[in-house]
N, C-alpha and C. Protein backbone atom coordinates (compact mmCIF):
# COMPACT_ATOMS: atom_id res chain seq x y z
N MET A 1 1.10 -1.09 -0.12
CA MET A 1 -0.12 0.14 0.09
C MET A 1 0.91 1.24 0.03
N SER A 2 0.48 2.30 -0.57
CA SER A 2 0.74 3.43 -0.59
C SER A 2 0.55 4.10 0.65
N ARG A 3 1.66 5.45 0.64
CA ARG A 3 1.45 6.28 2.01
C ARG A 3 -0.07 6.86 2.23
N ARG A 4 -0.61 7.34 1.17
CA ARG A 4 -1.87 7.79 1.14
C ARG A 4 -2.87 6.60 1.59
N THR A 5 -2.40 5.23 1.07
CA THR A 5 -4.02 4.35 1.16
C THR A 5 -3.45 3.71 2.93
N ASP A 6 -2.41 3.99 3.22
CA ASP A 6 -1.86 3.63 4.64
C ASP A 6 -2.42 4.54 5.33
N GLN A 7 -2.47 5.95 5.34
CA GLN A 7 -3.20 6.96 6.03
C GLN A 7 -4.43 6.82 6.34
N VAL A 8 -5.20 6.78 4.98
CA VAL A 8 -6.82 6.33 5.26
C VAL A 8 -7.12 5.46 5.94
N ALA A 9 -6.20 4.19 5.73
CA ALA A 9 -6.55 3.05 6.54
C ALA A 9 -6.66 3.30 7.43
N SER A 10 -5.79 3.97 8.32
CA SER A 10 -5.35 4.19 9.70
C SER A 10 -6.62 4.81 10.31
N LEU A 11 -7.03 6.22 9.73
CA LEU A 11 -8.22 6.86 10.07
C LEU A 11 -9.61 6.13 9.93
N ILE A 12 -9.62 5.33 9.15
CA ILE A 12 -10.95 4.51 8.91
C ILE A 12 -10.43 3.40 10.43
N GLN A 13 -9.71 2.79 10.17
CA GLN A 13 -9.65 2.04 11.67
C GLN A 13 -10.10 2.44 12.80
N GLN A 14 -9.76 3.85 13.29
CA GLN A 14 -9.60 4.30 14.36
C GLN A 14 -11.17 5.04 14.45
N GLU A 15 -11.90 5.49 13.43
CA GLU A 15 -12.99 5.63 13.42
C GLU A 15 -14.04 4.69 13.65
N LEU A 16 -13.71 3.67 12.87
CA LEU A 16 -14.63 2.78 13.14
C LEU A 16 -14.92 2.14 14.42
N GLY A 17 -12.95 1.69 14.82
CA GLY A 17 -13.27 1.29 16.12
C GLY A 17 -14.18 2.19 17.55
N GLN A 18 -14.12 3.29 17.44
CA GLN A 18 -15.14 4.12 17.91
C GLN A 18 -16.42 3.96 17.81
N MET A 19 -16.77 3.50 16.63
CA MET A 19 -18.26 3.41 16.27
C MET A 19 -18.54 1.88 17.04
N ILE A 20 -17.63 1.32 16.37
CA ILE A 20 -17.60 -0.33 17.14
C ILE A 20 -17.96 -0.43 18.60
N ALA A 21 -17.35 0.20 19.23
CA ALA A 21 -17.38 0.12 20.75
C ALA A 21 -18.86 0.64 21.44
N LYS A 22 -19.30 1.34 20.82
CA LYS A 22 -20.29 1.63 21.04
C LYS A 22 -21.66 0.87 20.70
N LEU A 23 -21.32 -0.05 19.93
CA LEU A 23 -22.55 -1.15 19.65
C LEU A 23 -22.32 -1.91 20.83
N GLU A 24 -23.51 -2.25 20.87
CA GLU A 24 -23.91 -3.65 21.79
C GLU A 24 -23.41 -5.11 21.24
N LEU A 25 -22.32 -5.36 21.34
CA LEU A 25 -21.71 -6.63 20.15
C LEU A 25 -22.04 -7.83 21.75
N PRO A 26 -22.40 -9.17 21.04
CA PRO A 26 -22.20 -10.24 21.92
C PRO A 26 -20.96 -10.66 22.12
N ALA A 27 -19.78 -10.44 21.65
CA ALA A 27 -18.32 -10.67 22.07
C ALA A 27 -17.38 -9.53 21.81
N LEU A 28 -16.54 -9.51 22.55
CA LEU A 28 -15.34 -8.57 22.05
C LEU A 28 -14.82 -9.03 20.66
N THR A 29 -15.09 -7.62 20.05
CA THR A 29 -14.48 -7.26 18.96
C THR A 29 -13.54 -6.22 18.68
N THR A 30 -12.91 -6.31 17.52
CA THR A 30 -11.46 -5.63 17.14
C THR A 30 -11.11 -5.59 15.85
N ILE A 31 -11.00 -4.40 15.50
CA ILE A 31 -10.59 -4.32 14.07
C ILE A 31 -9.08 -4.50 13.39
N SER A 32 -8.63 -5.95 13.15
CA SER A 32 -7.55 -6.46 12.95
C SER A 32 -7.13 -5.55 11.95
N LYS A 33 -7.26 -5.39 10.71
CA LYS A 33 -7.12 -4.70 9.52
C LYS A 33 -7.49 -4.05 8.65
N VAL A 34 -7.27 -3.01 8.19
CA VAL A 34 -8.07 -2.52 7.27
C VAL A 34 -7.33 -2.37 5.68
N GLU A 35 -8.14 -2.77 4.72
CA GLU A 35 -7.36 -2.70 3.47
C GLU A 35 -8.17 -1.83 2.68
N VAL A 36 -7.61 -0.76 1.75
CA VAL A 36 -8.13 0.08 1.11
C VAL A 36 -7.31 -0.04 -0.31
N THR A 37 -8.13 -0.25 -1.34
CA THR A 37 -7.79 0.20 -2.56
C THR A 37 -7.07 1.21 -3.14
N PRO A 38 -6.23 1.24 -4.08
CA PRO A 38 -5.49 2.44 -4.67
C PRO A 38 -6.30 3.45 -4.92
N ASP A 39 -7.44 3.22 -5.50
CA ASP A 39 -8.06 4.38 -6.24
C ASP A 39 -8.91 4.99 -4.64
N LEU A 40 -9.25 4.28 -3.68
CA LEU A 40 -9.54 4.78 -2.07
C LEU A 40 -11.10 4.49 -2.26
N LYS A 41 -11.82 3.71 -3.24
CA LYS A 41 -13.08 3.38 -3.63
C LYS A 41 -13.75 2.45 -2.59
N LEU A 42 -12.62 1.34 -2.19
CA LEU A 42 -13.30 0.51 -1.41
C LEU A 42 -12.49 0.06 -0.42
N GLY A 43 -13.06 -0.20 0.92
CA GLY A 43 -12.16 -0.41 2.02
C GLY A 43 -12.89 -1.71 2.83
N LYS A 44 -11.74 -3.04 2.69
CA LYS A 44 -11.97 -4.03 3.21
C LYS A 44 -11.73 -4.22 4.77
N ILE A 45 -12.65 -4.12 5.76
CA ILE A 45 -12.50 -4.15 7.32
C ILE A 45 -11.99 -5.57 7.96
N GLY A 46 -11.09 -5.92 8.07
CA GLY A 46 -10.83 -7.19 8.82
C GLY A 46 -10.99 -7.14 10.50
N ILE A 47 -12.26 -7.99 10.80
CA ILE A 47 -12.64 -7.93 12.51
C ILE A 47 -12.24 -9.58 13.08
N THR A 48 -11.81 -9.41 14.15
CA THR A 48 -11.32 -10.12 15.07
C THR A 48 -12.21 -10.63 15.94
N VAL A 49 -12.83 -11.48 16.35
CA VAL A 49 -14.14 -11.89 17.44
C VAL A 49 -13.08 -12.79 18.38
N LEU A 50 -13.56 -12.38 19.69
CA LEU A 50 -12.63 -13.16 20.81
C LEU A 50 -13.45 -14.54 20.73
N ASP A 51 -14.74 -14.63 20.67
CA ASP A 51 -15.55 -16.05 20.98
C ASP A 51 -16.23 -16.23 19.38
N ASN A 52 -15.27 -17.37 18.76
CA ASN A 52 -15.73 -17.74 17.32
C ASN A 52 -17.39 -18.13 17.38
N LYS A 53 -17.88 -18.65 18.14
CA LYS A 53 -19.74 -19.03 17.91
C LYS A 53 -20.40 -17.68 17.77
N ASP A 54 -19.69 -16.53 17.99
CA ASP A 54 -20.39 -15.37 17.78
C ASP A 54 -20.27 -14.23 16.64
N GLU A 55 -19.25 -14.89 15.77
CA GLU A 55 -18.96 -14.40 14.57
C GLU A 55 -19.82 -14.18 13.59
N LYS A 56 -20.79 -15.01 13.44
CA LYS A 56 -21.73 -14.91 12.13
C LYS A 56 -22.79 -13.59 12.73
N ARG A 57 -23.21 -13.91 14.05
CA ARG A 57 -24.22 -13.01 14.82
C ARG A 57 -23.35 -11.34 14.68
N ILE A 58 -22.27 -11.34 14.80
CA ILE A 58 -21.68 -10.01 14.73
C ILE A 58 -21.58 -9.36 13.67
N LEU A 59 -21.43 -10.51 12.70
CA LEU A 59 -21.45 -9.65 11.08
C LEU A 59 -22.82 -9.38 10.98
N GLU A 60 -23.53 -9.83 11.21
CA GLU A 60 -25.29 -9.34 11.16
C GLU A 60 -25.20 -8.13 11.78
N ILE A 61 -25.10 -7.85 12.93
CA ILE A 61 -25.07 -6.68 13.45
C ILE A 61 -24.36 -5.75 12.58
N LEU A 62 -22.99 -5.81 12.54
CA LEU A 62 -22.44 -4.81 11.89
C LEU A 62 -23.00 -4.40 10.49
N GLN A 63 -23.60 -5.35 9.82
CA GLN A 63 -24.29 -5.40 8.39
C GLN A 63 -25.39 -4.50 8.49
N GLU A 64 -26.34 -5.04 9.70
CA GLU A 64 -27.52 -3.87 9.94
C GLU A 64 -26.77 -2.10 9.90
N HIS A 65 -25.66 -1.93 10.76
CA HIS A 65 -25.27 -0.74 11.23
C HIS A 65 -24.19 -0.06 10.23
N ILE A 66 -24.22 -1.06 8.86
CA ILE A 66 -23.17 -0.19 8.09
C ILE A 66 -23.34 1.16 7.40
N TYR A 67 -25.14 1.00 7.01
CA TYR A 67 -24.90 2.48 6.14
C TYR A 67 -24.76 3.67 7.23
N GLU A 68 -24.95 3.44 8.72
CA GLU A 68 -24.94 4.46 9.60
C GLU A 68 -23.79 4.75 9.44
N MET A 69 -22.60 3.62 9.59
CA MET A 69 -21.19 4.19 10.12
C MET A 69 -20.77 4.59 8.86
N GLN A 70 -20.79 4.00 7.60
CA GLN A 70 -20.42 4.78 6.33
C GLN A 70 -20.85 6.36 6.58
N GLY A 71 -21.88 6.60 6.39
CA GLY A 71 -22.52 7.75 6.57
C GLY A 71 -21.69 9.17 7.49
N GLU A 72 -21.43 8.44 8.54
CA GLU A 72 -20.54 8.71 9.90
C GLU A 72 -18.93 9.13 9.25
N LEU A 73 -18.99 8.13 8.81
CA LEU A 73 -17.02 8.38 7.79
C LEU A 73 -17.21 9.30 6.95
N ILE A 74 -18.34 9.05 6.13
CA ILE A 74 -17.86 10.48 5.29
C ILE A 74 -17.99 11.76 5.80
N ARG A 75 -19.07 11.79 7.03
CA ARG A 75 -18.92 13.20 7.76
C ARG A 75 -17.80 13.80 8.45
N LYS A 76 -17.22 12.63 9.02
CA LYS A 76 -15.76 12.66 9.79
C LYS A 76 -14.79 12.90 9.00
N LEU A 77 -14.37 12.13 7.99
CA LEU A 77 -13.21 11.92 7.33
C LEU A 77 -13.10 13.62 6.36
N LYS A 78 -13.86 14.11 5.77
CA LYS A 78 -14.07 15.41 5.22
C LYS A 78 -12.74 15.23 3.78
N MET A 79 -13.26 14.09 3.19
CA MET A 79 -12.39 13.77 1.97
C MET A 79 -13.11 13.60 0.87
N ARG A 80 -12.66 13.45 -0.34
CA ARG A 80 -13.49 13.54 -1.94
C ARG A 80 -14.11 12.36 -1.82
N ILE A 81 -12.97 11.22 -1.69
CA ILE A 81 -13.80 9.82 -1.88
C ILE A 81 -13.61 9.08 -0.59
N VAL A 82 -14.24 8.82 0.03
CA VAL A 82 -14.41 7.70 1.24
C VAL A 82 -14.60 6.75 0.68
N PRO A 83 -13.80 5.48 1.41
CA PRO A 83 -13.97 4.11 0.50
C PRO A 83 -15.07 3.88 1.49
N ARG A 84 -16.06 2.96 0.26
CA ARG A 84 -17.19 2.08 0.76
C ARG A 84 -16.69 0.72 1.29
N ILE A 85 -17.35 0.77 2.84
CA ILE A 85 -16.79 -0.29 3.41
C ILE A 85 -17.33 -1.61 3.64
N SER A 86 -17.02 -2.55 3.83
CA SER A 86 -17.37 -3.91 4.35
C SER A 86 -16.65 -4.89 5.08
N PHE A 87 -17.59 -5.69 6.05
CA PHE A 87 -16.79 -6.19 6.83
C PHE A 87 -16.80 -7.80 6.54
N VAL A 88 -15.33 -8.22 7.07
CA VAL A 88 -14.60 -9.54 6.92
C VAL A 88 -14.08 -9.95 8.19
N ILE A 89 -14.61 -11.26 7.99
CA ILE A 89 -13.66 -11.82 9.73
C ILE A 89 -12.43 -12.36 9.22
N ASP A 90 -11.57 -11.87 10.37
CA ASP A 90 -9.99 -11.95 10.02
C ASP A 90 -9.32 -13.15 10.78
N LYS A 91 -9.26 -14.13 10.12
CA LYS A 91 -8.53 -15.28 10.67
C LYS A 91 -7.09 -15.26 10.70
N SER A 92 -6.62 -14.51 10.39
CA SER A 92 -4.80 -14.42 10.08
C SER A 92 -4.03 -14.77 11.40
N GLU A 93 -4.64 -14.33 12.66
CA GLU A 93 -4.32 -14.60 13.70
C GLU A 93 -4.21 -16.08 14.48
N GLU A 94 -5.65 -16.61 14.03
CA GLU A 94 -6.04 -17.79 14.14
C GLU A 94 -5.40 -18.83 13.31
N TYR A 95 -4.78 -18.49 12.00
CA TYR A 95 -4.01 -19.58 11.30
C TYR A 95 -2.71 -18.97 11.57
N ALA A 96 -2.28 -18.16 12.25
CA ALA A 96 -0.79 -18.13 12.40
C ALA A 96 -0.74 -19.07 13.69
N SER A 97 -1.31 -18.85 14.50
CA SER A 97 -1.60 -19.90 16.15
C SER A 97 -1.13 -21.33 15.69
N HIS A 98 -2.07 -22.00 14.57
CA HIS A 98 -2.30 -23.00 14.23
C HIS A 98 -0.61 -23.24 13.60
N ILE A 99 -0.44 -22.52 12.71
CA ILE A 99 0.98 -22.92 12.05
C ILE A 99 1.99 -23.09 13.17
N ASN A 100 2.34 -22.11 14.16
CA ASN A 100 3.18 -22.08 15.06
C ASN A 100 2.82 -23.43 16.10
N LYS A 101 1.74 -23.99 16.16
CA LYS A 101 1.52 -25.26 16.78
C LYS A 101 1.97 -26.58 16.26
N LEU A 102 1.96 -26.21 15.12
CA LEU A 102 2.49 -27.56 14.02
C LEU A 102 3.81 -27.67 13.96
N LEU A 103 4.52 -25.95 13.99
CA LEU A 103 6.04 -25.95 13.92
C LEU A 103 6.41 -26.92 15.46
N ARG A 104 5.70 -26.51 16.57
CA ARG A 104 6.22 -26.78 17.72
C ARG A 104 5.84 -28.15 17.92
N GLU A 105 5.37 -28.77 17.43
CA GLU A 105 4.90 -30.26 17.51
C GLU A 105 6.21 -30.96 16.21
N THR A 106 6.39 -30.33 15.34
CA THR A 106 7.30 -30.77 14.68
C THR A 106 8.84 -30.95 15.50
N LYS A 107 8.92 -30.13 15.84
CA LYS A 107 10.19 -29.83 16.45
C LYS A 107 10.01 -30.83 17.76
N GLU A 108 9.18 -31.18 18.37
CA GLU A 108 9.25 -31.87 19.41
C GLU A 108 8.97 -33.25 18.85
N ASP A 109 8.90 -33.70 17.94
CA ASP A 109 8.48 -35.13 17.33
C ASP A 109 10.25 -35.46 16.81
N GLU A 110 11.02 -34.27 16.57
CA GLU A 110 12.10 -34.68 15.91
C GLU A 110 13.18 -35.16 16.95
N PRO A 111 14.05 -36.68 16.68
CA PRO A 111 14.96 -37.10 17.29
C PRO A 111 16.04 -36.45 17.63
N GLU A 112 16.82 -36.09 18.91
CA GLU A 112 17.88 -35.45 19.15
C GLU A 112 19.06 -36.22 18.98
N HIS A 113 20.02 -35.54 18.22
CA HIS A 113 21.15 -36.09 17.86
C HIS A 113 22.23 -36.57 18.93
C-alpha cells in the first residue's frame, strides 16, 4: 500500500473502532486490519472476534449498522472519496497460531542427535 492508502486505512480504523465500541456486540470485537484499494473506493475491514461462535451474529449486527457507519465516516473524514466499507472475519491470527502449533509439534517429534 502507498503512504496515502495507509493513512486513510489508519483513519478508518480509528473511527470505526470508536463506532464499533458503541454497539452492543455479544463478544469482544476488534478491527485487526483495514485494506483500502489504491483508488480509495473500497475498504475491507477485517475484524477479530474473541468468541468464534458469535462471529456470524456480529457480522449481521455490523451489516445492520453499515449505512450509519458509512455516513458517519463520510462526515468525519472530509475527503472527496471515502472508501465504501465491508466487513470480513479476519482469521490470520488463528491461522498463525495454528502454524506455530504445528511447528512446535514438529520440533518436539524430531529425534535428538
